[in-house]
PDB file of N, CA and C in Angstrom:
ATOM      1  N   UNK A   1      10.664  13.693 -25.914  1.00  0.00           N
ATOM      2  CA  UNK A   1      11.046  14.331 -24.684  1.00  0.00           C
ATOM      3  C   UNK A   1       9.813  15.028 -24.106  1.00  0.00           C
ATOM      4  N   UNK A   2       9.631  14.866 -22.828  1.00  0.00           N
ATOM      5  CA  UNK A   2       8.542  15.512 -22.118  1.00  0.00           C
ATOM      6  C   UNK A   2       9.159  16.521 -21.171  1.00  0.00           C
ATOM      7  N   UNK A   3       8.624  17.733 -21.131  1.00  0.00           N
ATOM      8  CA  UNK A   3       9.138  18.720 -20.183  1.00  0.00           C
ATOM      9  C   UNK A   3       8.025  19.678 -19.788  1.00  0.00           C
ATOM     10  N   UNK A   4       8.198  20.294 -18.643  1.00  0.00           N
ATOM     11  CA  UNK A   4       7.279  21.337 -18.213  1.00  0.00           C
ATOM     12  C   UNK A   4       7.978  22.235 -17.214  1.00  0.00           C
ATOM     13  N   UNK A   5       7.577  23.487 -17.208  1.00  0.00           N
ATOM     14  CA  UNK A   5       8.116  24.462 -16.260  1.00  0.00           C
ATOM     15  C   UNK A   5       7.102  24.648 -15.134  1.00  0.00           C
ATOM     16  N   UNK A   6       7.600  24.930 -13.950  1.00  0.00           N
ATOM     17  CA  UNK A   6       6.714  25.169 -12.811  1.00  0.00           C
ATOM     18  C   UNK A   6       7.468  25.997 -11.777  1.00  0.00           C
ATOM     19  N   UNK A   7       6.747  26.517 -10.798  1.00  0.00           N
ATOM     20  CA  UNK A   7       7.367  27.258  -9.701  1.00  0.00           C
ATOM     21  C   UNK A   7       7.717  26.272  -8.596  1.00  0.00           C
ATOM     22  N   UNK A   8       8.982  26.162  -8.267  1.00  0.00           N
ATOM     23  CA  UNK A   8       9.459  25.288  -7.198  1.00  0.00           C
ATOM     24  C   UNK A   8       8.902  25.797  -5.880  1.00  0.00           C
ATOM     25  N   UNK A   9       8.835  24.932  -4.868  1.00  0.00           N
ATOM     26  CA  UNK A   9       8.285  25.334  -3.571  1.00  0.00           C
ATOM     27  C   UNK A   9       9.045  26.497  -2.952  1.00  0.00           C
ATOM     28  N   UNK A  10      10.291  26.720  -3.359  1.00  0.00           N
ATOM     29  CA  UNK A  10      11.069  27.851  -2.860  1.00  0.00           C
ATOM     30  C   UNK A  10      10.713  29.142  -3.598  1.00  0.00           C
ATOM     31  N   UNK A  11       9.856  29.035  -4.636  1.00  0.00           N
ATOM     32  CA  UNK A  11       9.468  30.204  -5.410  1.00  0.00           C
ATOM     33  C   UNK A  11      10.277  30.384  -6.685  1.00  0.00           C
ATOM     34  N   UNK A  12      11.341  29.635  -6.831  1.00  0.00           N
ATOM     35  CA  UNK A  12      12.155  29.710  -8.052  1.00  0.00           C
ATOM     36  C   UNK A  12      11.494  28.943  -9.190  1.00  0.00           C
ATOM     37  N   UNK A  13      11.819  29.342 -10.402  1.00  0.00           N
ATOM     38  CA  UNK A  13      11.348  28.604 -11.572  1.00  0.00           C
ATOM     39  C   UNK A  13      12.150  27.311 -11.688  1.00  0.00           C
ATOM     40  N   UNK A  14      11.483  26.256 -12.097  1.00  0.00           N
ATOM     41  CA  UNK A  14      12.143  24.963 -12.264  1.00  0.00           C
ATOM     42  C   UNK A  14      11.575  24.278 -13.503  1.00  0.00           C
ATOM     43  N   UNK A  15      12.288  23.291 -14.005  1.00  0.00           N
ATOM     44  CA  UNK A  15      11.853  22.527 -15.170  1.00  0.00           C
ATOM     45  C   UNK A  15      12.089  21.052 -14.896  1.00  0.00           C
ATOM     46  N   UNK A  16      11.099  20.229 -15.194  1.00  0.00           N
ATOM     47  CA  UNK A  16      11.258  18.779 -15.140  1.00  0.00           C
ATOM     48  C   UNK A  16      11.379  18.290 -16.579  1.00  0.00           C
ATOM     49  N   UNK A  17      12.320  17.395 -16.815  1.00  0.00           N
ATOM     50  CA  UNK A  17      12.551  16.882 -18.163  1.00  0.00           C
ATOM     51  C   UNK A  17      12.650  15.354 -18.100  1.00  0.00           C
ATOM     52  N   UNK A  18      12.005  14.705 -19.034  1.00  0.00           N
ATOM     53  CA  UNK A  18      12.102  13.258 -19.181  1.00  0.00           C
ATOM     54  C   UNK A  18      12.577  12.987 -20.601  1.00  0.00           C
ATOM     55  N   UNK A  19      13.665  12.264 -20.715  1.00  0.00           N
ATOM     56  CA  UNK A  19      14.240  11.953 -22.023  1.00  0.00           C
ATOM     57  C   UNK A  19      14.515  10.451 -22.074  1.00  0.00           C
ATOM     58  N   UNK A  20      13.503   9.648 -22.462  1.00  0.00           N
ATOM     59  CA  UNK A  20      13.721   8.197 -22.517  1.00  0.00           C
ATOM     60  C   UNK A  20      14.623   7.822 -23.698  1.00  0.00           C
ATOM     61  N   UNK A  21      15.492   6.862 -23.470  1.00  0.00           N
ATOM     62  CA  UNK A  21      16.377   6.356 -24.528  1.00  0.00           C
ATOM     63  C   UNK A  21      16.178   4.846 -24.586  1.00  0.00           C
ATOM     64  N   UNK A  22      15.781   4.351 -25.749  1.00  0.00           N
ATOM     65  CA  UNK A  22      15.578   2.920 -25.935  1.00  0.00           C
ATOM     66  C   UNK A  22      16.519   2.413 -27.009  1.00  0.00           C
ATOM     67  N   UNK A  23      16.882   1.183 -26.881  1.00  0.00           N
ATOM     68  CA  UNK A  23      17.720   0.557 -27.891  1.00  0.00           C
ATOM     69  C   UNK A  23      17.444  -0.929 -27.910  1.00  0.00           C
ATOM     70  N   UNK A  24      17.918  -1.581 -28.907  1.00  0.00           N
ATOM     71  CA  UNK A  24      17.730  -3.021 -28.976  1.00  0.00           C
ATOM     72  C   UNK A  24      17.618  -3.486 -30.409  1.00  0.00           C
ATOM     73  N   UNK A  25      17.240  -4.730 -30.530  1.00  0.00           N
ATOM     74  CA  UNK A  25      17.200  -5.342 -31.858  1.00  0.00           C
ATOM     75  C   UNK A  25      15.816  -5.269 -32.495  1.00  0.00           C
ATOM     76  N   UNK A  26      14.866  -4.635 -31.844  1.00  0.00           N
ATOM     77  CA  UNK A  26      13.526  -4.511 -32.429  1.00  0.00           C
ATOM     78  C   UNK A  26      13.539  -3.458 -33.534  1.00  0.00           C
ATOM     79  N   UNK A  27      12.562  -3.499 -34.420  1.00  0.00           N
ATOM     80  CA  UNK A  27      12.491  -2.490 -35.488  1.00  0.00           C
ATOM     81  C   UNK A  27      12.352  -1.080 -34.896  1.00  0.00           C
ATOM     82  N   UNK A  28      12.909  -0.102 -35.597  1.00  0.00           N
ATOM     83  CA  UNK A  28      12.917   1.280 -35.116  1.00  0.00           C
ATOM     84  C   UNK A  28      11.504   1.776 -34.821  1.00  0.00           C
ATOM     85  N   UNK A  29      10.551   1.487 -35.679  1.00  0.00           N
ATOM     86  CA  UNK A  29       9.171   1.929 -35.452  1.00  0.00           C
ATOM     87  C   UNK A  29       8.608   1.398 -34.151  1.00  0.00           C
ATOM     88  N   UNK A  30       8.901   0.160 -33.837  1.00  0.00           N
ATOM     89  CA  UNK A  30       8.428  -0.444 -32.592  1.00  0.00           C
ATOM     90  C   UNK A  30       9.096   0.217 -31.388  1.00  0.00           C
ATOM     91  N   UNK A  31      10.405   0.481 -31.476  1.00  0.00           N
ATOM     92  CA  UNK A  31      11.108   1.170 -30.388  1.00  0.00           C
ATOM     93  C   UNK A  31      10.533   2.569 -30.174  1.00  0.00           C
ATOM     94  N   UNK A  32      10.220   3.263 -31.261  1.00  0.00           N
ATOM     95  CA  UNK A  32       9.635   4.608 -31.144  1.00  0.00           C
ATOM     96  C   UNK A  32       8.277   4.548 -30.462  1.00  0.00           C
ATOM     97  N   UNK A  33       7.455   3.578 -30.822  1.00  0.00           N
ATOM     98  CA  UNK A  33       6.147   3.435 -30.166  1.00  0.00           C
ATOM     99  C   UNK A  33       6.323   3.134 -28.687  1.00  0.00           C
ATOM    100  N   UNK A  34       7.253   2.257 -28.357  1.00  0.00           N
ATOM    101  CA  UNK A  34       7.511   1.928 -26.955  1.00  0.00           C
ATOM    102  C   UNK A  34       7.975   3.168 -26.184  1.00  0.00           C
ATOM    103  N   UNK A  35       8.877   3.941 -26.796  1.00  0.00           N
ATOM    104  CA  UNK A  35       9.355   5.163 -26.157  1.00  0.00           C
ATOM    105  C   UNK A  35       8.237   6.161 -25.930  1.00  0.00           C
ATOM    106  N   UNK A  36       7.356   6.297 -26.900  1.00  0.00           N
ATOM    107  CA  UNK A  36       6.206   7.187 -26.758  1.00  0.00           C
ATOM    108  C   UNK A  36       5.288   6.743 -25.638  1.00  0.00           C
ATOM    109  N   UNK A  37       5.053   5.440 -25.548  1.00  0.00           N
ATOM    110  CA  UNK A  37       4.211   4.907 -24.465  1.00  0.00           C
ATOM    111  C   UNK A  37       4.838   5.201 -23.101  1.00  0.00           C
ATOM    112  N   UNK A  38       6.148   4.991 -22.995  1.00  0.00           N
ATOM    113  CA  UNK A  38       6.844   5.267 -21.732  1.00  0.00           C
ATOM    114  C   UNK A  38       6.772   6.748 -21.371  1.00  0.00           C
ATOM    115  N   UNK A  39       6.996   7.609 -22.347  1.00  0.00           N
ATOM    116  CA  UNK A  39       6.975   9.049 -22.094  1.00  0.00           C
ATOM    117  C   UNK A  39       5.585   9.519 -21.681  1.00  0.00           C
ATOM    118  N   UNK A  40       4.543   9.012 -22.345  1.00  0.00           N
ATOM    119  CA  UNK A  40       3.179   9.406 -21.975  1.00  0.00           C
ATOM    120  C   UNK A  40       2.844   8.951 -20.565  1.00  0.00           C
ATOM    121  N   UNK A  41       3.230   7.746 -20.215  1.00  0.00           N
ATOM    122  CA  UNK A  41       2.968   7.241 -18.857  1.00  0.00           C
ATOM    123  C   UNK A  41       3.685   8.059 -17.800  1.00  0.00           C
ATOM    124  N   UNK A  42       4.934   8.403 -18.074  1.00  0.00           N
ATOM    125  CA  UNK A  42       5.701   9.199 -17.125  1.00  0.00           C
ATOM    126  C   UNK A  42       5.159  10.627 -17.027  1.00  0.00           C
ATOM    127  N   UNK A  43       4.760  11.202 -18.151  1.00  0.00           N
ATOM    128  CA  UNK A  43       4.218  12.563 -18.146  1.00  0.00           C
ATOM    129  C   UNK A  43       2.939  12.636 -17.329  1.00  0.00           C
ATOM    130  N   UNK A  44       2.159  11.579 -17.356  1.00  0.00           N
ATOM    131  CA  UNK A  44       0.916  11.554 -16.587  1.00  0.00           C
ATOM    132  C   UNK A  44       1.185  11.583 -15.088  1.00  0.00           C
ATOM    133  N   UNK A  45       2.393  11.181 -14.672  1.00  0.00           N
ATOM    134  CA  UNK A  45       2.742  11.146 -13.259  1.00  0.00           C
ATOM    135  C   UNK A  45       3.411  12.429 -12.762  1.00  0.00           C
ATOM    136  N   UNK A  46       3.707  13.384 -13.666  1.00  0.00           N
ATOM    137  CA  UNK A  46       4.324  14.633 -13.250  1.00  0.00           C
ATOM    138  C   UNK A  46       3.347  15.430 -12.396  1.00  0.00           C
ATOM    139  N   UNK A  47       3.877  16.181 -11.451  1.00  0.00           N
ATOM    140  CA  UNK A  47       3.040  17.048 -10.623  1.00  0.00           C
ATOM    141  C   UNK A  47       2.323  18.068 -11.503  1.00  0.00           C
ATOM    142  N   UNK A  48       1.137  18.456 -11.081  1.00  0.00           N
ATOM    143  CA  UNK A  48       0.437  19.522 -11.771  1.00  0.00           C
ATOM    144  C   UNK A  48       1.154  20.842 -11.504  1.00  0.00           C
ATOM    145  N   UNK A  49       1.291  21.688 -12.535  1.00  0.00           N
ATOM    146  CA  UNK A  49       1.926  22.993 -12.313  1.00  0.00           C
ATOM    147  C   UNK A  49       1.094  23.818 -11.340  1.00  0.00           C
ATOM    148  N   UNK A  50       1.753  24.563 -10.492  1.00  0.00           N
ATOM    149  CA  UNK A  50       1.043  25.404  -9.502  1.00  0.00           C
ATOM    150  C   UNK A  50       0.771  26.762 -10.074  1.00  0.00           C
TER     151      UNK A  50
END
């Protein structure tokens, strides 16, 4: 899970959360690696905290 807190443009505190869920017939280790890759890619696209 990737998350971060930041100040929303209205001045309120906000949190963005990414919780990828993968499933399938691949081995668990491979699914975990895929999930980690997806989470890292998505985290890189999050706005920078102000």
